[in-house]
Amino acid sequence: MTHGRIKRWWLGVIQRRLNPMTLAMARSGRGPFSLVRHVGRKSGKTFEAPLVLADAPEGIIAELTYGPGVNWFRNVLAGGGEVLHRGRWYRITGVEPYPAHLGRRAFGRFRSLILVILCRHDFRLLKVEAIGPPA
């Protein structure tokens, strides 16, 4: 199996199996997951993506595990989106690159160590404003 086929297979497993479970956890406020709601650039449909996000004084930190080419991120850049984070809804008002060392630190000691081991270095600051009361 080529690298591209393995990657497509793995992303398919995540999309069909893991995402439904993590979406349910994100909606309920259980576990480490947050929810990003975005509108498709071409389809105009509303989508939701589960993510593990971290707090920062300037907003919310996202680690781009699969790079900046993932749909949720491209859709947010093109048309904005909303985040359900720690039981509260926020509107994404801007996205900025974020230094890797600060991004890892925002996730706490244990998760930061995991991010270092996995060589994660692509972080973004989501500038947000609250749009809903805590759930």
N, C-alpha and C. Protein backbone atom coordinates (compact mmCIF):
# COMPACT_ATOMS: atom_id res chain seq x y z
N MET A 1 0.84 -1.17 0.00
CA MET A 1 0.00 0.00 0.00
C MET A 1 0.89 1.24 0.00
N THR A 2 0.59 2.19 -0.86
CA THR A 2 1.38 3.42 -0.92
C THR A 2 1.03 4.33 0.24
N HIS A 3 1.91 5.29 0.48
CA HIS A 3 1.70 6.24 1.58
C HIS A 3 0.36 6.98 1.41
N GLY A 4 0.03 7.41 0.20
CA GLY A 4 -1.22 8.13 -0.05
C GLY A 4 -2.45 7.27 0.23
N ARG A 5 -2.39 6.01 -0.13
CA ARG A 5 -3.52 5.11 0.12
C ARG A 5 -3.68 4.84 1.61
N ILE A 6 -2.57 4.69 2.32
CA ILE A 6 -2.63 4.48 3.76
C ILE A 6 -3.24 5.70 4.44
N LYS A 7 -2.81 6.89 4.02
CA LYS A 7 -3.34 8.12 4.61
C LYS A 7 -4.84 8.23 4.36
N ARG A 8 -5.30 7.97 3.13
CA ARG A 8 -6.73 8.03 2.81
C ARG A 8 -7.51 7.01 3.63
N TRP A 9 -6.96 5.80 3.78
CA TRP A 9 -7.62 4.77 4.58
C TRP A 9 -7.76 5.22 6.03
N TRP A 10 -6.66 5.75 6.59
CA TRP A 10 -6.67 6.19 7.99
C TRP A 10 -7.66 7.34 8.20
N LEU A 11 -7.67 8.32 7.31
CA LEU A 11 -8.61 9.42 7.43
C LEU A 11 -10.06 8.93 7.31
N GLY A 12 -10.28 7.93 6.49
CA GLY A 12 -11.61 7.33 6.38
C GLY A 12 -12.04 6.67 7.68
N VAL A 13 -11.12 5.94 8.32
CA VAL A 13 -11.42 5.31 9.61
C VAL A 13 -11.79 6.38 10.64
N ILE A 14 -11.00 7.43 10.67
CA ILE A 14 -11.27 8.51 11.62
C ILE A 14 -12.65 9.11 11.36
N GLN A 15 -12.92 9.40 10.10
CA GLN A 15 -14.18 10.06 9.75
C GLN A 15 -15.39 9.19 10.07
N ARG A 16 -15.32 7.90 9.79
CA ARG A 16 -16.48 7.01 9.98
C ARG A 16 -16.63 6.49 11.41
N ARG A 17 -15.55 6.31 12.12
CA ARG A 17 -15.60 5.67 13.43
C ARG A 17 -15.35 6.63 14.59
N LEU A 18 -14.22 7.33 14.53
CA LEU A 18 -13.80 8.15 15.65
C LEU A 18 -14.57 9.46 15.74
N ASN A 19 -14.78 10.14 14.62
CA ASN A 19 -15.46 11.44 14.66
C ASN A 19 -16.85 11.38 15.27
N PRO A 20 -17.71 10.41 14.96
CA PRO A 20 -19.03 10.39 15.61
C PRO A 20 -18.95 10.31 17.14
N MET A 21 -18.02 9.54 17.66
CA MET A 21 -17.87 9.44 19.11
C MET A 21 -17.36 10.75 19.71
N THR A 22 -16.35 11.35 19.08
CA THR A 22 -15.79 12.58 19.63
C THR A 22 -16.76 13.75 19.45
N LEU A 23 -17.56 13.75 18.39
CA LEU A 23 -18.57 14.80 18.22
C LEU A 23 -19.58 14.75 19.35
N ALA A 24 -20.02 13.54 19.70
CA ALA A 24 -20.99 13.39 20.79
C ALA A 24 -20.38 13.88 22.11
N MET A 25 -19.12 13.55 22.35
CA MET A 25 -18.46 14.01 23.57
C MET A 25 -18.32 15.53 23.58
N ALA A 26 -17.97 16.12 22.43
CA ALA A 26 -17.81 17.57 22.35
C ALA A 26 -19.14 18.28 22.62
N ARG A 27 -20.22 17.78 22.03
CA ARG A 27 -21.53 18.40 22.24
C ARG A 27 -21.98 18.32 23.69
N SER A 28 -21.62 17.23 24.36
CA SER A 28 -22.06 17.04 25.75
C SER A 28 -21.17 17.76 26.75
N GLY A 29 -20.00 18.21 26.31
CA GLY A 29 -19.08 18.87 27.23
C GLY A 29 -18.21 17.90 28.00
N ARG A 30 -18.31 16.60 27.70
CA ARG A 30 -17.48 15.60 28.37
C ARG A 30 -16.18 15.39 27.60
N GLY A 31 -15.15 15.11 28.32
CA GLY A 31 -13.88 14.80 27.68
C GLY A 31 -13.14 16.05 27.23
N PRO A 32 -12.06 15.85 26.50
CA PRO A 32 -11.20 16.97 26.14
C PRO A 32 -11.60 17.67 24.84
N PHE A 33 -12.72 17.28 24.25
CA PHE A 33 -13.03 17.75 22.90
C PHE A 33 -13.86 19.02 22.87
N SER A 34 -13.56 19.83 21.87
CA SER A 34 -14.34 21.01 21.53
C SER A 34 -14.92 20.76 20.14
N LEU A 35 -15.80 21.65 19.71
CA LEU A 35 -16.49 21.48 18.44
C LEU A 35 -16.30 22.74 17.61
N VAL A 36 -15.91 22.57 16.35
CA VAL A 36 -15.83 23.69 15.42
C VAL A 36 -16.93 23.49 14.39
N ARG A 37 -17.79 24.49 14.26
CA ARG A 37 -18.88 24.47 13.26
C ARG A 37 -18.49 25.43 12.15
N HIS A 38 -18.58 24.96 10.92
CA HIS A 38 -18.15 25.74 9.76
C HIS A 38 -19.04 25.44 8.58
N VAL A 39 -19.03 26.32 7.59
CA VAL A 39 -19.84 26.15 6.39
C VAL A 39 -18.92 25.83 5.22
N GLY A 40 -19.29 24.80 4.45
CA GLY A 40 -18.48 24.37 3.32
C GLY A 40 -18.30 25.47 2.29
N ARG A 41 -17.10 25.59 1.77
CA ARG A 41 -16.79 26.62 0.79
C ARG A 41 -17.57 26.43 -0.50
N LYS A 42 -17.75 25.21 -0.92
CA LYS A 42 -18.43 24.92 -2.18
C LYS A 42 -19.87 24.47 -1.98
N SER A 43 -20.09 23.63 -0.98
CA SER A 43 -21.42 23.05 -0.78
C SER A 43 -22.39 23.98 -0.07
N GLY A 44 -21.86 24.86 0.78
CA GLY A 44 -22.73 25.71 1.58
C GLY A 44 -23.36 24.97 2.76
N LYS A 45 -23.01 23.70 2.94
CA LYS A 45 -23.54 22.90 4.05
C LYS A 45 -22.79 23.23 5.33
N THR A 46 -23.49 23.05 6.46
CA THR A 46 -22.86 23.25 7.76
C THR A 46 -22.26 21.93 8.22
N PHE A 47 -21.01 21.99 8.67
CA PHE A 47 -20.29 20.82 9.15
C PHE A 47 -19.79 21.08 10.57
N GLU A 48 -19.50 20.01 11.29
CA GLU A 48 -18.91 20.09 12.61
C GLU A 48 -17.70 19.18 12.68
N ALA A 49 -16.65 19.68 13.33
CA ALA A 49 -15.43 18.90 13.48
C ALA A 49 -15.02 18.91 14.95
N PRO A 50 -14.72 17.72 15.51
CA PRO A 50 -14.22 17.67 16.89
C PRO A 50 -12.73 17.97 16.91
N LEU A 51 -12.32 18.79 17.87
CA LEU A 51 -10.91 19.16 18.02
C LEU A 51 -10.57 19.22 19.50
N VAL A 52 -9.29 19.06 19.79
CA VAL A 52 -8.79 19.34 21.13
C VAL A 52 -8.16 20.73 21.04
N LEU A 53 -8.72 21.67 21.80
CA LEU A 53 -8.27 23.05 21.77
C LEU A 53 -7.73 23.43 23.15
N ALA A 54 -6.99 24.52 23.18
CA ALA A 54 -6.42 25.01 24.45
C ALA A 54 -6.71 26.50 24.58
N ASP A 55 -6.78 26.95 25.81
CA ASP A 55 -7.00 28.36 26.09
C ASP A 55 -5.70 29.14 26.05
N ALA A 56 -5.80 30.38 25.59
CA ALA A 56 -4.69 31.32 25.62
C ALA A 56 -5.27 32.68 25.98
N PRO A 57 -4.48 33.58 26.52
CA PRO A 57 -5.00 34.90 26.88
C PRO A 57 -5.63 35.63 25.69
N GLU A 58 -5.12 35.37 24.48
CA GLU A 58 -5.59 36.07 23.29
C GLU A 58 -6.74 35.38 22.58
N GLY A 59 -7.09 34.16 22.99
CA GLY A 59 -8.15 33.41 22.31
C GLY A 59 -8.03 31.92 22.59
N ILE A 60 -8.21 31.13 21.55
CA ILE A 60 -8.19 29.67 21.67
C ILE A 60 -7.15 29.13 20.69
N ILE A 61 -6.36 28.17 21.15
CA ILE A 61 -5.28 27.60 20.34
C ILE A 61 -5.74 26.29 19.70
N ALA A 62 -5.50 26.17 18.39
CA ALA A 62 -5.76 24.93 17.65
C ALA A 62 -4.44 24.39 17.13
N GLU A 63 -4.24 23.11 17.30
CA GLU A 63 -3.07 22.43 16.73
C GLU A 63 -3.54 21.76 15.44
N LEU A 64 -2.89 22.08 14.33
CA LEU A 64 -3.32 21.57 13.03
C LEU A 64 -2.65 20.22 12.76
N THR A 65 -3.21 19.18 13.37
CA THR A 65 -2.65 17.83 13.28
C THR A 65 -2.43 17.39 11.84
N TYR A 66 -3.40 17.68 10.96
CA TYR A 66 -3.31 17.24 9.57
C TYR A 66 -2.93 18.37 8.64
N GLY A 67 -2.42 19.46 9.18
CA GLY A 67 -1.95 20.58 8.38
C GLY A 67 -3.05 21.56 8.02
N PRO A 68 -2.66 22.66 7.37
CA PRO A 68 -3.61 23.72 7.04
C PRO A 68 -4.54 23.40 5.88
N GLY A 69 -4.40 22.23 5.28
CA GLY A 69 -5.25 21.86 4.15
C GLY A 69 -6.56 21.17 4.53
N VAL A 70 -6.79 20.95 5.83
CA VAL A 70 -8.01 20.25 6.24
C VAL A 70 -9.22 21.15 6.02
N ASN A 71 -10.35 20.52 5.73
CA ASN A 71 -11.54 21.29 5.36
C ASN A 71 -12.01 22.25 6.43
N TRP A 72 -12.05 21.82 7.68
CA TRP A 72 -12.57 22.73 8.70
C TRP A 72 -11.78 24.02 8.73
N PHE A 73 -10.45 23.91 8.61
CA PHE A 73 -9.60 25.08 8.70
C PHE A 73 -9.75 25.97 7.46
N ARG A 74 -9.77 25.37 6.30
CA ARG A 74 -9.94 26.14 5.07
C ARG A 74 -11.30 26.83 5.05
N ASN A 75 -12.33 26.15 5.55
CA ASN A 75 -13.66 26.75 5.59
C ASN A 75 -13.72 27.91 6.58
N VAL A 76 -13.07 27.77 7.73
CA VAL A 76 -13.04 28.87 8.71
C VAL A 76 -12.32 30.08 8.11
N LEU A 77 -11.21 29.84 7.42
CA LEU A 77 -10.50 30.96 6.80
C LEU A 77 -11.36 31.64 5.74
N ALA A 78 -12.11 30.86 5.00
CA ALA A 78 -12.92 31.42 3.91
C ALA A 78 -14.19 32.11 4.41
N GLY A 79 -14.80 31.59 5.46
CA GLY A 79 -16.09 32.16 5.84
C GLY A 79 -16.38 32.22 7.32
N GLY A 80 -15.38 32.02 8.15
CA GLY A 80 -15.60 32.07 9.59
C GLY A 80 -16.19 30.78 10.13
N GLY A 81 -16.58 30.82 11.36
CA GLY A 81 -17.14 29.64 12.00
C GLY A 81 -17.40 29.92 13.46
N GLU A 82 -17.82 28.89 14.16
CA GLU A 82 -18.11 28.98 15.59
C GLU A 82 -17.43 27.83 16.30
N VAL A 83 -17.16 28.04 17.59
CA VAL A 83 -16.51 27.03 18.41
C VAL A 83 -17.33 26.81 19.67
N LEU A 84 -17.59 25.56 20.01
CA LEU A 84 -18.14 25.20 21.31
C LEU A 84 -16.95 24.71 22.12
N HIS A 85 -16.54 25.53 23.09
CA HIS A 85 -15.34 25.23 23.86
C HIS A 85 -15.65 25.41 25.34
N ARG A 86 -15.44 24.35 26.11
CA ARG A 86 -15.69 24.38 27.55
C ARG A 86 -17.12 24.82 27.88
N GLY A 87 -18.06 24.32 27.06
CA GLY A 87 -19.47 24.56 27.31
C GLY A 87 -20.00 25.92 26.88
N ARG A 88 -19.22 26.67 26.11
CA ARG A 88 -19.65 27.99 25.69
C ARG A 88 -19.40 28.17 24.19
N TRP A 89 -20.34 28.84 23.52
CA TRP A 89 -20.20 29.10 22.08
C TRP A 89 -19.45 30.41 21.85
N TYR A 90 -18.55 30.37 20.85
CA TYR A 90 -17.78 31.55 20.45
C TYR A 90 -17.83 31.68 18.93
N ARG A 91 -17.83 32.90 18.45
CA ARG A 91 -17.69 33.18 17.01
C ARG A 91 -16.20 33.39 16.74
N ILE A 92 -15.70 32.77 15.69
CA ILE A 92 -14.30 32.95 15.29
C ILE A 92 -14.23 34.25 14.50
N THR A 93 -13.46 35.21 15.01
CA THR A 93 -13.37 36.52 14.37
C THR A 93 -12.05 36.70 13.62
N GLY A 94 -11.12 35.78 13.80
CA GLY A 94 -9.85 35.86 13.11
C GLY A 94 -8.99 34.65 13.42
N VAL A 95 -8.02 34.42 12.56
CA VAL A 95 -7.09 33.29 12.73
C VAL A 95 -5.69 33.82 12.45
N GLU A 96 -4.75 33.49 13.35
CA GLU A 96 -3.37 33.93 13.20
C GLU A 96 -2.43 32.77 13.49
N PRO A 97 -1.27 32.75 12.82
CA PRO A 97 -0.24 31.76 13.20
C PRO A 97 0.14 31.98 14.67
N TYR A 98 0.56 30.89 15.32
CA TYR A 98 0.92 30.97 16.74
C TYR A 98 2.23 30.21 16.93
N PRO A 99 3.16 30.78 17.69
CA PRO A 99 4.47 30.11 17.88
C PRO A 99 4.31 28.71 18.47
N ALA A 100 5.05 27.77 17.93
CA ALA A 100 4.93 26.38 18.35
C ALA A 100 5.21 26.19 19.84
N HIS A 101 6.24 26.83 20.37
CA HIS A 101 6.56 26.63 21.78
C HIS A 101 5.44 27.15 22.69
N LEU A 102 4.80 28.24 22.31
CA LEU A 102 3.68 28.75 23.10
C LEU A 102 2.43 27.91 22.89
N GLY A 103 2.25 27.42 21.67
CA GLY A 103 1.12 26.56 21.38
C GLY A 103 1.16 25.27 22.19
N ARG A 104 2.33 24.64 22.21
CA ARG A 104 2.47 23.41 23.01
C ARG A 104 2.24 23.70 24.49
N ARG A 105 2.80 24.78 24.98
CA ARG A 105 2.67 25.14 26.39
C ARG A 105 1.19 25.35 26.78
N ALA A 106 0.39 25.89 25.88
CA ALA A 106 -1.02 26.15 26.16
C ALA A 106 -1.80 24.87 26.47
N PHE A 107 -1.32 23.74 25.97
CA PHE A 107 -2.02 22.47 26.16
C PHE A 107 -1.70 21.80 27.50
N GLY A 108 -0.83 22.39 28.28
CA GLY A 108 -0.49 21.80 29.58
C GLY A 108 0.69 20.86 29.46
N ARG A 109 1.23 20.49 30.61
CA ARG A 109 2.47 19.72 30.66
C ARG A 109 2.37 18.36 29.95
N PHE A 110 1.34 17.56 30.26
CA PHE A 110 1.25 16.22 29.68
C PHE A 110 1.01 16.28 28.17
N ARG A 111 0.00 17.04 27.76
CA ARG A 111 -0.30 17.13 26.32
C ARG A 111 0.84 17.78 25.55
N SER A 112 1.52 18.73 26.18
CA SER A 112 2.66 19.36 25.55
C SER A 112 3.76 18.34 25.24
N LEU A 113 4.01 17.45 26.19
CA LEU A 113 5.00 16.39 25.98
C LEU A 113 4.60 15.51 24.80
N ILE A 114 3.33 15.15 24.73
CA ILE A 114 2.84 14.34 23.61
C ILE A 114 3.04 15.08 22.29
N LEU A 115 2.73 16.38 22.28
CA LEU A 115 2.90 17.17 21.05
C LEU A 115 4.37 17.25 20.63
N VAL A 116 5.28 17.31 21.59
CA VAL A 116 6.71 17.32 21.28
C VAL A 116 7.11 15.96 20.69
N ILE A 117 6.67 14.88 21.33
CA ILE A 117 7.01 13.54 20.85
C ILE A 117 6.49 13.33 19.42
N LEU A 118 5.31 13.86 19.14
CA LEU A 118 4.70 13.71 17.82
C LEU A 118 5.19 14.75 16.81
N CYS A 119 6.14 15.59 17.24
CA CYS A 119 6.73 16.63 16.39
C CYS A 119 5.67 17.59 15.83
N ARG A 120 4.72 17.99 16.66
CA ARG A 120 3.68 18.93 16.24
C ARG A 120 4.21 20.35 16.38
N HIS A 121 4.04 21.11 15.32
CA HIS A 121 4.58 22.47 15.32
C HIS A 121 3.69 23.49 14.60
N ASP A 122 2.50 23.07 14.18
CA ASP A 122 1.62 23.94 13.40
C ASP A 122 0.42 24.35 14.26
N PHE A 123 0.48 25.53 14.84
CA PHE A 123 -0.57 26.02 15.74
C PHE A 123 -1.17 27.29 15.19
N ARG A 124 -2.45 27.49 15.49
CA ARG A 124 -3.14 28.71 15.11
C ARG A 124 -3.89 29.28 16.31
N LEU A 125 -3.89 30.59 16.40
CA LEU A 125 -4.68 31.29 17.39
C LEU A 125 -6.02 31.62 16.77
N LEU A 126 -7.09 31.12 17.37
CA LEU A 126 -8.43 31.48 16.94
C LEU A 126 -8.87 32.66 17.79
N LYS A 127 -9.02 33.81 17.16
CA LYS A 127 -9.56 34.98 17.86
C LYS A 127 -11.06 34.77 17.95
N VAL A 128 -11.62 34.93 19.12
CA VAL A 128 -13.04 34.61 19.31
C VAL A 128 -13.74 35.67 20.14
N GLU A 129 -15.08 35.68 20.01
CA GLU A 129 -15.92 36.47 20.90
C GLU A 129 -17.09 35.58 21.32
N ALA A 130 -17.46 35.66 22.59
CA ALA A 130 -18.53 34.82 23.12
C ALA A 130 -19.85 35.20 22.47
N ILE A 131 -20.64 34.19 22.06
CA ILE A 131 -21.95 34.44 21.47
C ILE A 131 -23.07 33.71 22.21
N GLY A 132 -22.72 32.90 23.17
CA GLY A 132 -23.74 32.18 23.89
C GLY A 132 -23.35 31.93 25.33
N PRO A 133 -24.34 31.80 26.19
CA PRO A 133 -24.04 31.52 27.60
C PRO A 133 -23.49 30.11 27.76
N PRO A 134 -22.85 29.86 28.88
CA PRO A 134 -22.39 28.49 29.14
C PRO A 134 -23.56 27.52 29.05
N ALA A 135 -23.29 26.36 28.48
CA ALA A 135 -24.34 25.33 28.32
C ALA A 135 -24.68 24.67 29.64
